[in-house]
């Protein structure tokens, strides 16, 4: 069974369009310049509605994680797998998975440099996940 997938909304459409073409898109407020995630039609800092999407660098660092050793049957995940929070170079944090790396505390070092990679799941959804950079 495939993993559960998000359902795009009009507010998140630009994000999912970006992932399909290999871009991690964030939003920036035109009033206060706050960069934020997840996507929404207003700035979470000042409430302004004039926001714009832009392509982020795709670089991040590992902020926190938990390793799940017991995958739920039929959920599309193979244990063990890390559920991680990464801090993007632009400032926001996002929940994701770490790939191309052993799913152990020895390999998943806090603050390690990461880069985004994209995993197509369906015609509509491509998930952004992160892997250690060559410098790690």
N, C-alpha and C. Protein backbone atom coordinates (compact mmCIF):
# COMPACT_ATOMS: atom_id res chain seq x y z
N UNK A 1 0.85 -1.18 0.00
CA UNK A 1 0.00 0.00 0.00
C UNK A 1 0.89 1.24 0.00
N UNK A 2 0.57 2.23 -0.84
CA UNK A 2 1.39 3.45 -0.87
C UNK A 2 1.19 4.28 0.38
N UNK A 3 2.15 5.15 0.64
CA UNK A 3 2.07 6.01 1.82
C UNK A 3 0.95 7.03 1.66
N UNK A 4 0.39 7.49 2.76
CA UNK A 4 -0.64 8.53 2.68
C UNK A 4 -0.05 9.80 2.09
N UNK A 5 -0.80 10.46 1.23
CA UNK A 5 -0.30 11.66 0.56
C UNK A 5 -1.15 12.87 0.92
N UNK A 6 -0.52 14.04 0.92
CA UNK A 6 -1.27 15.27 1.19
C UNK A 6 -2.25 15.57 0.05
N UNK A 7 -3.26 16.34 0.36
CA UNK A 7 -4.23 16.79 -0.62
C UNK A 7 -3.98 18.27 -0.91
N UNK A 8 -3.53 18.62 -2.11
CA UNK A 8 -3.31 20.03 -2.43
C UNK A 8 -4.59 20.85 -2.30
N UNK A 9 -4.42 22.09 -1.91
CA UNK A 9 -5.51 23.06 -1.82
C UNK A 9 -5.12 24.25 -2.68
N UNK A 10 -6.03 25.17 -2.93
CA UNK A 10 -5.64 26.37 -3.70
C UNK A 10 -4.49 27.12 -3.04
N UNK A 11 -4.42 27.11 -1.71
CA UNK A 11 -3.36 27.82 -1.00
C UNK A 11 -2.00 27.13 -1.12
N UNK A 12 -2.00 25.80 -1.35
CA UNK A 12 -0.74 25.06 -1.42
C UNK A 12 -0.36 24.65 -2.84
N UNK A 13 -1.20 24.97 -3.81
CA UNK A 13 -0.96 24.52 -5.20
C UNK A 13 0.42 24.93 -5.70
N UNK A 14 0.87 26.17 -5.42
CA UNK A 14 2.18 26.62 -5.90
C UNK A 14 3.31 25.76 -5.33
N UNK A 15 3.15 25.31 -4.09
CA UNK A 15 4.17 24.47 -3.46
C UNK A 15 4.28 23.13 -4.19
N UNK A 16 3.14 22.48 -4.43
CA UNK A 16 3.15 21.17 -5.10
C UNK A 16 3.54 21.27 -6.56
N UNK A 17 3.20 22.38 -7.23
CA UNK A 17 3.67 22.60 -8.60
C UNK A 17 5.19 22.71 -8.60
N UNK A 18 5.73 23.38 -7.61
CA UNK A 18 7.18 23.51 -7.49
C UNK A 18 7.88 22.19 -7.28
N UNK A 19 7.36 21.36 -6.37
CA UNK A 19 8.03 20.09 -6.11
C UNK A 19 8.04 19.21 -7.35
N UNK A 20 6.98 19.30 -8.15
CA UNK A 20 6.93 18.49 -9.38
C UNK A 20 8.03 18.86 -10.36
N UNK A 21 8.50 20.11 -10.33
CA UNK A 21 9.56 20.54 -11.25
C UNK A 21 10.91 20.67 -10.54
N UNK A 22 11.02 20.11 -9.32
CA UNK A 22 12.29 20.11 -8.61
C UNK A 22 12.63 21.40 -7.89
N UNK A 23 11.61 22.14 -7.46
CA UNK A 23 11.84 23.37 -6.68
C UNK A 23 11.13 23.27 -5.34
N UNK A 24 11.83 23.66 -4.30
CA UNK A 24 11.22 23.80 -2.98
C UNK A 24 10.81 25.26 -2.86
N UNK A 25 9.52 25.52 -2.91
CA UNK A 25 9.02 26.90 -2.90
C UNK A 25 8.55 27.30 -1.51
N UNK A 26 9.04 28.45 -1.09
CA UNK A 26 8.62 29.05 0.17
C UNK A 26 7.86 30.32 -0.15
N UNK A 27 7.35 30.99 0.87
CA UNK A 27 6.68 32.26 0.67
C UNK A 27 7.37 33.33 1.51
N UNK A 28 7.32 34.57 0.99
CA UNK A 28 7.89 35.73 1.69
C UNK A 28 6.83 36.81 1.72
N UNK A 29 6.68 37.44 2.88
CA UNK A 29 5.73 38.54 3.04
C UNK A 29 6.30 39.80 2.39
N UNK A 30 5.49 40.49 1.60
CA UNK A 30 5.93 41.72 0.96
C UNK A 30 6.00 42.87 1.95
N UNK A 31 5.30 42.77 3.07
CA UNK A 31 5.29 43.85 4.06
C UNK A 31 6.45 43.75 5.04
N UNK A 32 6.62 42.58 5.68
CA UNK A 32 7.64 42.45 6.72
C UNK A 32 8.84 41.60 6.31
N UNK A 33 8.80 40.98 5.12
CA UNK A 33 9.88 40.16 4.56
C UNK A 33 10.07 38.82 5.27
N UNK A 34 9.15 38.42 6.14
CA UNK A 34 9.24 37.12 6.82
C UNK A 34 9.10 36.01 5.79
N UNK A 35 9.98 35.02 5.87
CA UNK A 35 9.91 33.83 5.04
C UNK A 35 9.25 32.75 5.89
N UNK A 36 8.29 32.03 5.32
CA UNK A 36 7.57 31.07 6.14
C UNK A 36 7.18 29.80 5.39
N UNK A 37 6.87 28.79 6.18
CA UNK A 37 6.36 27.50 5.74
C UNK A 37 5.55 26.97 6.91
N UNK A 38 4.44 26.32 6.68
CA UNK A 38 3.84 25.88 5.44
C UNK A 38 3.14 27.00 4.69
N UNK A 39 2.78 26.74 3.42
CA UNK A 39 2.13 27.77 2.60
C UNK A 39 0.79 28.19 3.20
N UNK A 40 0.52 29.48 3.09
CA UNK A 40 -0.78 30.04 3.46
C UNK A 40 -0.94 31.39 2.77
N UNK A 41 -2.16 31.88 2.66
CA UNK A 41 -2.39 33.10 1.88
C UNK A 41 -2.09 34.39 2.63
N UNK A 42 -1.56 34.31 3.85
CA UNK A 42 -1.25 35.51 4.63
C UNK A 42 0.00 35.26 5.45
N UNK A 43 0.66 36.32 5.86
CA UNK A 43 1.88 36.21 6.64
C UNK A 43 1.55 35.83 8.09
N UNK A 44 2.18 34.79 8.62
CA UNK A 44 1.91 34.41 10.00
C UNK A 44 2.49 35.40 11.02
N UNK A 45 3.41 36.26 10.58
CA UNK A 45 4.02 37.22 11.49
C UNK A 45 3.21 38.50 11.61
N UNK A 46 2.74 39.03 10.47
CA UNK A 46 2.06 40.33 10.51
C UNK A 46 0.64 40.30 9.96
N UNK A 47 0.23 39.18 9.36
CA UNK A 47 -1.12 39.05 8.85
C UNK A 47 -1.34 39.66 7.47
N UNK A 48 -0.30 40.23 6.89
CA UNK A 48 -0.43 40.86 5.56
C UNK A 48 -0.77 39.79 4.53
N UNK A 49 -1.57 40.16 3.55
CA UNK A 49 -1.98 39.21 2.52
C UNK A 49 -1.17 39.30 1.24
N UNK A 50 -0.27 40.25 1.15
CA UNK A 50 0.55 40.35 -0.06
C UNK A 50 1.82 39.54 0.17
N UNK A 51 1.78 38.31 -0.31
CA UNK A 51 2.90 37.38 -0.15
C UNK A 51 3.29 36.87 -1.52
N UNK A 52 4.53 36.42 -1.64
CA UNK A 52 4.98 35.88 -2.93
C UNK A 52 5.79 34.61 -2.69
N UNK A 53 5.68 33.71 -3.63
CA UNK A 53 6.42 32.46 -3.57
C UNK A 53 7.75 32.63 -4.28
N UNK A 54 8.75 31.91 -3.81
CA UNK A 54 10.06 31.92 -4.46
C UNK A 54 10.72 30.56 -4.27
N UNK A 55 11.67 30.25 -5.13
CA UNK A 55 12.40 28.98 -5.05
C UNK A 55 13.47 29.09 -3.98
N UNK A 56 13.39 28.22 -2.98
CA UNK A 56 14.38 28.19 -1.90
C UNK A 56 15.65 27.50 -2.39
N UNK A 57 16.69 27.62 -1.59
CA UNK A 57 17.99 27.04 -1.96
C UNK A 57 17.97 25.51 -1.91
N UNK A 58 17.12 24.94 -1.07
CA UNK A 58 17.11 23.49 -0.90
C UNK A 58 18.11 23.00 0.12
N UNK A 59 18.83 23.93 0.75
CA UNK A 59 19.80 23.55 1.79
C UNK A 59 19.14 23.68 3.15
N UNK A 60 19.53 22.77 4.06
CA UNK A 60 18.94 22.76 5.39
C UNK A 60 19.91 22.12 6.36
N UNK A 61 19.53 22.12 7.64
CA UNK A 61 20.27 21.38 8.65
C UNK A 61 19.27 20.60 9.49
N UNK A 62 19.72 19.50 10.05
CA UNK A 62 18.85 18.65 10.84
C UNK A 62 18.62 19.28 12.21
N UNK A 63 17.38 19.64 12.49
CA UNK A 63 17.04 20.29 13.75
C UNK A 63 16.65 19.26 14.82
N UNK A 64 15.85 18.27 14.44
CA UNK A 64 15.36 17.27 15.39
C UNK A 64 14.86 16.07 14.60
N UNK A 65 14.74 14.93 15.27
CA UNK A 65 14.19 13.76 14.61
C UNK A 65 13.78 12.72 15.64
N UNK A 66 12.99 11.79 15.18
CA UNK A 66 12.66 10.58 15.93
C UNK A 66 12.75 9.43 14.94
N UNK A 67 13.25 8.31 15.39
CA UNK A 67 13.33 7.14 14.52
C UNK A 67 12.18 6.21 14.88
N UNK A 68 11.34 5.94 13.91
CA UNK A 68 10.22 5.03 14.11
C UNK A 68 10.69 3.63 13.74
N UNK A 69 10.64 2.73 14.69
CA UNK A 69 11.09 1.36 14.48
C UNK A 69 9.96 0.39 14.18
N UNK A 70 8.72 0.86 14.28
CA UNK A 70 7.56 -0.01 14.06
C UNK A 70 6.61 0.67 13.08
N UNK A 71 6.77 0.33 11.84
CA UNK A 71 5.91 0.91 10.81
C UNK A 71 4.50 0.34 10.94
N UNK A 72 3.52 1.21 10.73
CA UNK A 72 2.13 0.77 10.75
C UNK A 72 1.87 -0.07 9.49
N UNK A 73 1.32 -1.26 9.65
CA UNK A 73 1.06 -2.10 8.48
C UNK A 73 0.22 -1.38 7.44
N UNK A 74 0.65 -1.45 6.19
CA UNK A 74 -0.10 -0.86 5.10
C UNK A 74 0.05 0.64 4.94
N UNK A 75 0.97 1.27 5.70
CA UNK A 75 1.12 2.73 5.63
C UNK A 75 2.14 3.17 4.59
N UNK A 76 2.83 2.24 3.94
CA UNK A 76 3.77 2.61 2.89
C UNK A 76 5.15 3.00 3.39
N UNK A 77 5.47 2.71 4.64
CA UNK A 77 6.79 3.02 5.20
C UNK A 77 7.46 1.72 5.62
N UNK A 78 8.76 1.65 5.43
CA UNK A 78 9.53 0.50 5.88
C UNK A 78 10.38 0.92 7.07
N UNK A 79 10.20 0.28 8.19
CA UNK A 79 10.94 0.64 9.41
C UNK A 79 12.36 0.09 9.33
N UNK A 80 13.30 0.76 9.96
CA UNK A 80 13.15 2.04 10.66
C UNK A 80 13.21 3.21 9.67
N UNK A 81 12.54 4.30 10.05
CA UNK A 81 12.62 5.52 9.24
C UNK A 81 12.56 6.72 10.17
N UNK A 82 13.26 7.78 9.74
CA UNK A 82 13.33 8.99 10.55
C UNK A 82 12.23 9.96 10.14
N UNK A 83 11.56 10.48 11.13
CA UNK A 83 10.64 11.61 10.95
C UNK A 83 11.42 12.79 11.49
N UNK A 84 11.73 13.74 10.63
CA UNK A 84 12.66 14.80 10.98
C UNK A 84 12.04 16.19 10.84
N UNK A 85 12.62 17.11 11.60
CA UNK A 85 12.36 18.53 11.41
C UNK A 85 13.68 19.12 10.94
N UNK A 86 13.65 19.76 9.77
CA UNK A 86 14.85 20.40 9.24
C UNK A 86 14.66 21.90 9.29
N UNK A 87 15.76 22.60 9.49
CA UNK A 87 15.73 24.06 9.44
C UNK A 87 16.29 24.48 8.10
N UNK A 88 15.45 25.09 7.29
CA UNK A 88 15.86 25.51 5.96
C UNK A 88 16.82 26.70 6.06
N UNK A 89 17.70 26.81 5.10
CA UNK A 89 18.67 27.91 5.07
C UNK A 89 17.98 29.27 5.17
N UNK A 90 16.78 29.36 4.62
CA UNK A 90 16.03 30.62 4.63
C UNK A 90 15.34 30.90 5.97
N UNK A 91 15.37 29.93 6.90
CA UNK A 91 14.83 30.16 8.23
C UNK A 91 13.71 29.27 8.69
N UNK A 92 12.69 29.00 7.87
CA UNK A 92 11.59 28.17 8.35
C UNK A 92 12.03 26.73 8.61
N UNK A 93 11.23 26.06 9.41
CA UNK A 93 11.44 24.63 9.66
C UNK A 93 10.32 23.86 9.00
N UNK A 94 10.64 22.63 8.59
CA UNK A 94 9.61 21.77 8.01
C UNK A 94 9.82 20.33 8.42
N UNK A 95 8.72 19.59 8.53
CA UNK A 95 8.78 18.17 8.84
C UNK A 95 8.97 17.41 7.55
N UNK A 96 9.81 16.37 7.59
CA UNK A 96 10.14 15.63 6.38
C UNK A 96 10.75 14.29 6.78
N UNK A 97 11.32 13.61 5.82
CA UNK A 97 12.07 12.38 6.06
C UNK A 97 13.50 12.58 5.59
N UNK A 98 14.41 11.83 6.21
CA UNK A 98 15.81 11.83 5.80
C UNK A 98 16.04 10.54 5.02
N UNK A 99 16.66 10.66 3.86
CA UNK A 99 16.89 9.51 2.99
C UNK A 99 18.38 9.40 2.67
N UNK A 100 18.74 8.27 2.04
CA UNK A 100 20.12 8.01 1.61
C UNK A 100 21.09 8.10 2.78
N UNK A 101 20.64 7.60 3.92
CA UNK A 101 21.42 7.68 5.15
C UNK A 101 20.91 6.59 6.09
N UNK A 102 21.80 5.91 6.81
CA UNK A 102 21.29 4.95 7.80
C UNK A 102 20.37 5.66 8.80
N UNK A 103 19.32 5.00 9.17
CA UNK A 103 18.34 5.58 10.08
C UNK A 103 18.71 5.22 11.52
N UNK A 104 19.88 5.74 11.93
CA UNK A 104 20.41 5.47 13.27
C UNK A 104 20.88 6.77 13.91
N UNK A 105 20.93 6.80 15.25
CA UNK A 105 21.44 8.01 15.92
C UNK A 105 22.89 8.34 15.55
N UNK A 106 23.68 7.34 15.23
CA UNK A 106 25.07 7.61 14.83
C UNK A 106 25.15 8.35 13.50
N UNK A 107 24.22 8.07 12.60
CA UNK A 107 24.25 8.70 11.28
C UNK A 107 23.47 10.01 11.24
N UNK A 108 22.43 10.12 12.04
CA UNK A 108 21.58 11.31 12.04
C UNK A 108 22.05 12.27 13.13
N UNK A 109 22.96 13.12 12.75
CA UNK A 109 23.61 14.03 13.70
C UNK A 109 22.93 15.40 13.62
N UNK A 110 22.52 15.91 14.78
CA UNK A 110 21.88 17.23 14.78
C UNK A 110 22.79 18.27 14.15
N UNK A 111 22.19 19.18 13.42
CA UNK A 111 22.86 20.26 12.69
C UNK A 111 23.61 19.80 11.46
N UNK A 112 23.54 18.51 11.11
CA UNK A 112 24.23 18.06 9.90
C UNK A 112 23.64 18.75 8.68
N UNK A 113 24.48 19.10 7.71
CA UNK A 113 23.97 19.75 6.49
C UNK A 113 23.21 18.77 5.61
N UNK A 114 22.11 19.26 5.07
CA UNK A 114 21.23 18.45 4.24
C UNK A 114 20.88 19.20 2.96
N UNK A 115 20.40 18.44 1.98
CA UNK A 115 19.90 19.04 0.75
C UNK A 115 18.63 18.33 0.34
N UNK A 116 17.75 19.07 -0.28
CA UNK A 116 16.46 18.51 -0.69
C UNK A 116 16.63 17.62 -1.92
N UNK A 117 15.86 16.56 -1.95
CA UNK A 117 15.68 15.72 -3.13
C UNK A 117 14.18 15.48 -3.25
N UNK A 118 13.73 15.15 -4.42
CA UNK A 118 12.30 15.05 -4.66
C UNK A 118 11.92 13.63 -5.04
N UNK A 119 10.90 13.10 -4.38
CA UNK A 119 10.43 11.74 -4.63
C UNK A 119 9.01 11.77 -5.19
N UNK A 120 8.86 11.54 -6.50
CA UNK A 120 7.51 11.50 -7.08
C UNK A 120 6.69 10.37 -6.44
N UNK A 121 5.47 10.69 -6.07
CA UNK A 121 4.57 9.71 -5.46
C UNK A 121 3.35 9.43 -6.35
N UNK A 122 2.94 10.43 -7.10
CA UNK A 122 1.78 10.31 -8.00
C UNK A 122 1.94 11.39 -9.07
N UNK A 123 0.98 11.49 -9.97
CA UNK A 123 1.03 12.54 -10.99
C UNK A 123 0.94 13.92 -10.36
N UNK A 124 0.31 14.02 -9.21
CA UNK A 124 0.07 15.31 -8.59
C UNK A 124 1.06 15.64 -7.46
N UNK A 125 1.55 14.62 -6.77
CA UNK A 125 2.37 14.85 -5.57
C UNK A 125 3.79 14.32 -5.74
N UNK A 126 4.74 15.21 -5.54
CA UNK A 126 6.16 14.88 -5.42
C UNK A 126 6.59 15.39 -4.06
N UNK A 127 7.10 14.51 -3.22
CA UNK A 127 7.46 14.90 -1.86
C UNK A 127 8.90 15.40 -1.77
N UNK A 128 9.10 16.50 -1.05
CA UNK A 128 10.47 16.93 -0.76
C UNK A 128 10.98 16.16 0.46
N UNK A 129 12.10 15.49 0.33
CA UNK A 129 12.77 14.83 1.43
C UNK A 129 14.22 15.31 1.42
N UNK A 130 14.96 14.98 2.45
CA UNK A 130 16.32 15.52 2.54
C UNK A 130 17.33 14.40 2.73
N UNK A 131 18.53 14.65 2.18
CA UNK A 131 19.64 13.71 2.32
C UNK A 131 20.85 14.49 2.81
N UNK A 132 21.81 13.81 3.44
CA UNK A 132 23.04 14.48 3.84
C UNK A 132 23.77 15.02 2.62
N UNK A 133 24.38 16.18 2.75
CA UNK A 133 25.16 16.73 1.65
C UNK A 133 26.51 16.03 1.60
N UNK A 134 27.22 16.22 0.52
CA UNK A 134 28.53 15.60 0.35
C UNK A 134 29.49 16.06 1.45
N UNK A 135 29.25 17.23 2.02
CA UNK A 135 30.13 17.77 3.06
C UNK A 135 29.88 17.13 4.42
N UNK A 136 28.81 16.32 4.56
CA UNK A 136 28.48 15.71 5.86
C UNK A 136 29.41 14.58 6.20
